[in-house]
Amino acid sequence: MLLVDDCADDAELTMIELRAAGIPADFARADSEASLLAALDRAIPHLVLSDLNMPGFDGARALAIVRERAPQARFVFLTGALREDARLPAVDGVLLKHDLHALPGLVRELLGD
């Protein structure tokens, strides 16, 4: 599983939530376009959880890279805030970070576990 997030604490909380729910996964984290490209060169993930708003890099760009390099990967925006009028590209899911309790169910649904 690949986490694209500029905040190490948020990525850690995400991993804790999934592990506590018994979801076995190896996690990698990217926090920039360069680190995302490097992560995708190392391994193709089944699932990418990406923040939407990051300094100098955003979820839409992360999605474009993942769709190009790993088109079979499921992609979820996991964001701290979402404007009411936000127009997001088509993804497999959108979840607010304060709703992390719902993440394990979404992951199981997307990965067929």
N, C-alpha and C. Protein backbone atom coordinates (compact mmCIF):
# COMPACT_ATOMS: atom_id res chain seq x y z
N MET A 1 0.86 -1.16 0.00
CA MET A 1 0.00 0.00 0.00
C MET A 1 0.90 1.23 0.00
N LEU A 2 0.54 2.20 -0.80
CA LEU A 2 1.34 3.41 -0.91
C LEU A 2 0.55 4.59 -0.36
N LEU A 3 1.17 5.31 0.58
CA LEU A 3 0.57 6.50 1.16
C LEU A 3 1.29 7.71 0.58
N VAL A 4 0.53 8.61 -0.02
CA VAL A 4 1.10 9.84 -0.57
C VAL A 4 0.61 10.97 0.33
N ASP A 5 1.51 11.45 1.17
CA ASP A 5 1.13 12.46 2.15
C ASP A 5 2.38 13.20 2.61
N ASP A 6 2.29 14.51 2.68
CA ASP A 6 3.43 15.30 3.13
C ASP A 6 3.58 15.30 4.65
N CYS A 7 2.58 14.84 5.36
CA CYS A 7 2.59 14.83 6.82
C CYS A 7 2.87 13.42 7.35
N ALA A 8 4.05 13.23 7.92
CA ALA A 8 4.43 11.91 8.44
C ALA A 8 3.46 11.45 9.53
N ASP A 9 2.98 12.37 10.37
CA ASP A 9 2.05 12.00 11.44
C ASP A 9 0.74 11.47 10.86
N ASP A 10 0.22 12.12 9.84
CA ASP A 10 -1.02 11.65 9.21
C ASP A 10 -0.83 10.26 8.59
N ALA A 11 0.30 10.06 7.94
CA ALA A 11 0.58 8.76 7.34
C ALA A 11 0.68 7.69 8.44
N GLU A 12 1.32 8.02 9.55
CA GLU A 12 1.44 7.08 10.66
C GLU A 12 0.08 6.74 11.24
N LEU A 13 -0.79 7.73 11.42
CA LEU A 13 -2.14 7.47 11.93
C LEU A 13 -2.92 6.56 10.98
N THR A 14 -2.74 6.75 9.71
CA THR A 14 -3.40 5.90 8.72
C THR A 14 -2.93 4.46 8.86
N MET A 15 -1.62 4.27 8.98
CA MET A 15 -1.08 2.92 9.13
C MET A 15 -1.57 2.28 10.44
N ILE A 16 -1.60 3.05 11.51
CA ILE A 16 -2.08 2.54 12.80
C ILE A 16 -3.53 2.08 12.69
N GLU A 17 -4.36 2.89 12.04
CA GLU A 17 -5.79 2.53 11.88
C GLU A 17 -5.95 1.23 11.11
N LEU A 18 -5.21 1.07 10.04
CA LEU A 18 -5.33 -0.13 9.23
C LEU A 18 -4.77 -1.36 9.94
N ARG A 19 -3.65 -1.20 10.61
CA ARG A 19 -3.08 -2.33 11.36
C ARG A 19 -3.99 -2.74 12.51
N ALA A 20 -4.57 -1.76 13.21
CA ALA A 20 -5.47 -2.05 14.32
C ALA A 20 -6.70 -2.81 13.85
N ALA A 21 -7.09 -2.60 12.61
CA ALA A 21 -8.25 -3.30 12.03
C ALA A 21 -7.86 -4.66 11.47
N GLY A 22 -6.59 -5.02 11.60
CA GLY A 22 -6.15 -6.34 11.14
C GLY A 22 -5.89 -6.43 9.66
N ILE A 23 -5.69 -5.30 9.02
CA ILE A 23 -5.41 -5.31 7.58
C ILE A 23 -3.90 -5.46 7.38
N PRO A 24 -3.48 -6.61 6.87
CA PRO A 24 -2.04 -6.82 6.67
C PRO A 24 -1.59 -6.07 5.42
N ALA A 25 -0.58 -5.27 5.58
CA ALA A 25 -0.08 -4.52 4.42
C ALA A 25 1.34 -4.06 4.68
N ASP A 26 2.09 -4.01 3.62
CA ASP A 26 3.38 -3.34 3.65
C ASP A 26 3.12 -1.93 3.19
N PHE A 27 3.64 -0.97 3.93
CA PHE A 27 3.39 0.43 3.61
C PHE A 27 4.64 1.10 3.09
N ALA A 28 4.45 1.94 2.08
CA ALA A 28 5.49 2.84 1.60
C ALA A 28 4.87 4.23 1.61
N ARG A 29 5.70 5.23 1.80
CA ARG A 29 5.20 6.61 1.84
C ARG A 29 5.96 7.47 0.84
N ALA A 30 5.22 8.31 0.15
CA ALA A 30 5.80 9.31 -0.74
C ALA A 30 5.26 10.66 -0.32
N ASP A 31 6.10 11.69 -0.43
CA ASP A 31 5.65 13.02 -0.03
C ASP A 31 5.93 14.08 -1.09
N SER A 32 6.30 13.63 -2.27
CA SER A 32 6.59 14.54 -3.39
C SER A 32 6.46 13.77 -4.69
N GLU A 33 6.49 14.49 -5.79
CA GLU A 33 6.42 13.81 -7.09
C GLU A 33 7.62 12.88 -7.27
N ALA A 34 8.80 13.35 -6.91
CA ALA A 34 10.00 12.53 -7.07
C ALA A 34 9.93 11.27 -6.22
N SER A 35 9.48 11.39 -4.99
CA SER A 35 9.42 10.20 -4.14
C SER A 35 8.29 9.25 -4.58
N LEU A 36 7.22 9.79 -5.16
CA LEU A 36 6.16 8.93 -5.71
C LEU A 36 6.70 8.13 -6.89
N LEU A 37 7.40 8.79 -7.79
CA LEU A 37 7.99 8.09 -8.93
C LEU A 37 8.96 7.01 -8.47
N ALA A 38 9.78 7.32 -7.47
CA ALA A 38 10.74 6.34 -6.95
C ALA A 38 10.01 5.16 -6.32
N ALA A 39 8.95 5.43 -5.56
CA ALA A 39 8.18 4.35 -4.93
C ALA A 39 7.56 3.44 -5.98
N LEU A 40 7.04 4.02 -7.05
CA LEU A 40 6.42 3.22 -8.11
C LEU A 40 7.47 2.44 -8.90
N ASP A 41 8.70 2.93 -8.93
CA ASP A 41 9.78 2.17 -9.57
C ASP A 41 10.15 0.95 -8.73
N ARG A 42 10.01 1.06 -7.40
CA ARG A 42 10.36 -0.06 -6.51
C ARG A 42 9.29 -1.13 -6.49
N ALA A 43 8.01 -0.72 -6.49
CA ALA A 43 6.93 -1.70 -6.39
C ALA A 43 5.62 -1.08 -6.86
N ILE A 44 4.79 -1.89 -7.49
CA ILE A 44 3.47 -1.43 -7.93
C ILE A 44 2.47 -1.77 -6.83
N PRO A 45 1.83 -0.76 -6.25
CA PRO A 45 0.90 -1.01 -5.15
C PRO A 45 -0.47 -1.48 -5.65
N HIS A 46 -1.19 -2.17 -4.77
CA HIS A 46 -2.58 -2.52 -5.05
C HIS A 46 -3.49 -1.33 -4.76
N LEU A 47 -3.06 -0.49 -3.79
CA LEU A 47 -3.87 0.63 -3.34
C LEU A 47 -2.99 1.82 -3.03
N VAL A 48 -3.44 3.00 -3.46
CA VAL A 48 -2.77 4.26 -3.15
C VAL A 48 -3.75 5.12 -2.38
N LEU A 49 -3.32 5.59 -1.22
CA LEU A 49 -4.08 6.55 -0.42
C LEU A 49 -3.33 7.86 -0.51
N SER A 50 -3.97 8.89 -1.07
CA SER A 50 -3.27 10.14 -1.33
C SER A 50 -3.97 11.33 -0.72
N ASP A 51 -3.18 12.15 -0.06
CA ASP A 51 -3.67 13.45 0.38
C ASP A 51 -4.02 14.24 -0.88
N LEU A 52 -4.91 15.16 -0.74
CA LEU A 52 -5.34 15.96 -1.88
C LEU A 52 -4.51 17.23 -2.02
N ASN A 53 -4.16 17.84 -0.90
CA ASN A 53 -3.46 19.13 -0.90
C ASN A 53 -2.13 19.00 -0.19
N MET A 54 -1.06 19.14 -0.97
CA MET A 54 0.29 19.09 -0.41
C MET A 54 1.09 20.25 -1.00
N PRO A 55 2.02 20.80 -0.25
CA PRO A 55 2.83 21.90 -0.77
C PRO A 55 3.63 21.48 -2.01
N GLY A 56 3.44 22.17 -3.10
CA GLY A 56 4.20 21.90 -4.32
C GLY A 56 3.79 20.65 -5.07
N PHE A 57 2.77 19.97 -4.62
CA PHE A 57 2.35 18.71 -5.23
C PHE A 57 0.92 18.47 -4.79
N ASP A 58 0.11 17.90 -5.64
CA ASP A 58 -1.28 17.68 -5.21
C ASP A 58 -1.77 16.29 -5.62
N GLY A 59 -2.91 15.94 -5.07
CA GLY A 59 -3.48 14.63 -5.31
C GLY A 59 -3.82 14.36 -6.76
N ALA A 60 -4.24 15.40 -7.47
CA ALA A 60 -4.58 15.21 -8.89
C ALA A 60 -3.34 14.81 -9.69
N ARG A 61 -2.20 15.40 -9.38
CA ARG A 61 -0.95 15.04 -10.06
C ARG A 61 -0.53 13.63 -9.66
N ALA A 62 -0.69 13.31 -8.37
CA ALA A 62 -0.37 11.96 -7.90
C ALA A 62 -1.23 10.94 -8.64
N LEU A 63 -2.53 11.24 -8.78
CA LEU A 63 -3.43 10.34 -9.50
C LEU A 63 -2.97 10.14 -10.94
N ALA A 64 -2.62 11.21 -11.61
CA ALA A 64 -2.17 11.10 -13.01
C ALA A 64 -0.94 10.21 -13.12
N ILE A 65 -0.01 10.36 -12.20
CA ILE A 65 1.21 9.54 -12.22
C ILE A 65 0.87 8.08 -11.96
N VAL A 66 0.02 7.82 -10.97
CA VAL A 66 -0.35 6.44 -10.65
C VAL A 66 -1.11 5.81 -11.82
N ARG A 67 -2.02 6.55 -12.42
CA ARG A 67 -2.79 5.99 -13.55
C ARG A 67 -1.86 5.64 -14.72
N GLU A 68 -0.79 6.41 -14.89
CA GLU A 68 0.16 6.15 -15.97
C GLU A 68 1.07 4.97 -15.64
N ARG A 69 1.57 4.92 -14.41
CA ARG A 69 2.56 3.92 -14.03
C ARG A 69 1.96 2.62 -13.47
N ALA A 70 0.80 2.73 -12.85
CA ALA A 70 0.17 1.56 -12.21
C ALA A 70 -1.34 1.64 -12.40
N PRO A 71 -1.81 1.51 -13.64
CA PRO A 71 -3.23 1.73 -13.92
C PRO A 71 -4.18 0.78 -13.19
N GLN A 72 -3.70 -0.37 -12.76
CA GLN A 72 -4.56 -1.31 -12.05
C GLN A 72 -4.71 -0.97 -10.57
N ALA A 73 -3.89 -0.07 -10.05
CA ALA A 73 -3.94 0.27 -8.62
C ALA A 73 -5.23 1.03 -8.30
N ARG A 74 -5.82 0.69 -7.17
CA ARG A 74 -6.97 1.45 -6.66
C ARG A 74 -6.43 2.75 -6.07
N PHE A 75 -7.24 3.81 -6.13
CA PHE A 75 -6.77 5.14 -5.70
C PHE A 75 -7.85 5.81 -4.87
N VAL A 76 -7.45 6.27 -3.68
CA VAL A 76 -8.37 6.93 -2.76
C VAL A 76 -7.76 8.25 -2.33
N PHE A 77 -8.56 9.30 -2.38
CA PHE A 77 -8.14 10.57 -1.78
C PHE A 77 -8.47 10.50 -0.30
N LEU A 78 -7.47 10.74 0.54
CA LEU A 78 -7.61 10.78 1.98
C LEU A 78 -7.14 12.17 2.39
N THR A 79 -8.09 13.06 2.66
CA THR A 79 -7.75 14.46 2.80
C THR A 79 -8.29 15.06 4.09
N GLY A 80 -7.62 16.11 4.54
CA GLY A 80 -8.03 16.79 5.75
C GLY A 80 -9.22 17.71 5.54
N ALA A 81 -9.37 18.22 4.35
CA ALA A 81 -10.46 19.15 4.06
C ALA A 81 -10.87 19.01 2.61
N LEU A 82 -12.14 19.25 2.39
CA LEU A 82 -12.69 19.17 1.04
C LEU A 82 -13.70 20.28 0.88
N ARG A 83 -13.45 21.14 -0.09
CA ARG A 83 -14.40 22.23 -0.35
C ARG A 83 -15.71 21.64 -0.86
N GLU A 84 -16.79 22.27 -0.48
CA GLU A 84 -18.11 21.80 -0.89
C GLU A 84 -18.27 21.76 -2.41
N ASP A 85 -17.62 22.71 -3.09
CA ASP A 85 -17.74 22.80 -4.54
C ASP A 85 -16.58 22.11 -5.27
N ALA A 86 -15.80 21.32 -4.54
CA ALA A 86 -14.63 20.67 -5.14
C ALA A 86 -15.05 19.71 -6.25
N ARG A 87 -14.34 19.77 -7.35
CA ARG A 87 -14.56 18.87 -8.48
C ARG A 87 -13.34 17.96 -8.56
N LEU A 88 -13.53 16.74 -8.14
CA LEU A 88 -12.43 15.80 -8.07
C LEU A 88 -12.44 14.88 -9.29
N PRO A 89 -11.25 14.46 -9.70
CA PRO A 89 -11.20 13.45 -10.76
C PRO A 89 -11.79 12.14 -10.25
N ALA A 90 -12.15 11.27 -11.16
CA ALA A 90 -12.73 9.99 -10.79
C ALA A 90 -11.69 9.13 -10.08
N VAL A 91 -12.03 8.71 -8.87
CA VAL A 91 -11.17 7.84 -8.07
C VAL A 91 -12.04 6.76 -7.44
N ASP A 92 -11.41 5.82 -6.77
CA ASP A 92 -12.14 4.72 -6.15
C ASP A 92 -12.77 5.09 -4.82
N GLY A 93 -12.36 6.20 -4.24
CA GLY A 93 -12.93 6.63 -2.98
C GLY A 93 -12.38 7.97 -2.53
N VAL A 94 -13.15 8.64 -1.68
CA VAL A 94 -12.73 9.89 -1.06
C VAL A 94 -13.13 9.79 0.40
N LEU A 95 -12.17 10.08 1.28
CA LEU A 95 -12.43 9.98 2.71
C LEU A 95 -11.72 11.14 3.41
N LEU A 96 -12.41 11.76 4.35
CA LEU A 96 -11.79 12.80 5.15
C LEU A 96 -10.96 12.16 6.25
N LYS A 97 -9.83 12.78 6.57
CA LYS A 97 -8.92 12.21 7.56
C LYS A 97 -9.58 12.08 8.94
N HIS A 98 -10.53 12.93 9.26
CA HIS A 98 -11.18 12.79 10.56
C HIS A 98 -12.19 11.63 10.58
N ASP A 99 -12.36 10.97 9.45
CA ASP A 99 -13.21 9.78 9.35
C ASP A 99 -12.38 8.51 9.15
N LEU A 100 -11.16 8.50 9.69
CA LEU A 100 -10.27 7.35 9.49
C LEU A 100 -10.88 6.03 9.95
N HIS A 101 -11.81 6.08 10.89
CA HIS A 101 -12.45 4.85 11.36
C HIS A 101 -13.15 4.10 10.22
N ALA A 102 -13.51 4.82 9.16
CA ALA A 102 -14.19 4.19 8.01
C ALA A 102 -13.19 3.63 6.99
N LEU A 103 -11.91 3.92 7.16
CA LEU A 103 -10.92 3.49 6.17
C LEU A 103 -10.78 1.97 6.06
N PRO A 104 -10.70 1.23 7.16
CA PRO A 104 -10.56 -0.22 6.99
C PRO A 104 -11.68 -0.86 6.16
N GLY A 105 -12.90 -0.44 6.37
CA GLY A 105 -14.01 -0.98 5.58
C GLY A 105 -13.86 -0.65 4.10
N LEU A 106 -13.46 0.56 3.81
CA LEU A 106 -13.25 0.97 2.41
C LEU A 106 -12.12 0.16 1.79
N VAL A 107 -11.03 -0.01 2.52
CA VAL A 107 -9.90 -0.79 2.00
C VAL A 107 -10.32 -2.23 1.73
N ARG A 108 -11.04 -2.82 2.66
CA ARG A 108 -11.49 -4.21 2.44
C ARG A 108 -12.39 -4.30 1.22
N GLU A 109 -13.28 -3.33 1.06
CA GLU A 109 -14.17 -3.32 -0.10
C GLU A 109 -13.39 -3.21 -1.41
N LEU A 110 -12.42 -2.32 -1.44
CA LEU A 110 -11.66 -2.09 -2.67
C LEU A 110 -10.73 -3.25 -3.02
N LEU A 111 -10.20 -3.89 -2.00
CA LEU A 111 -9.24 -4.97 -2.25
C LEU A 111 -9.88 -6.35 -2.23
N GLY A 112 -11.18 -6.39 -1.98
CA GLY A 112 -11.89 -7.65 -2.02
C GLY A 112 -11.56 -8.58 -0.87
N ASP A 113 -11.13 -8.02 0.24
CA ASP A 113 -10.81 -8.85 1.42
C ASP A 113 -12.03 -9.14 2.24
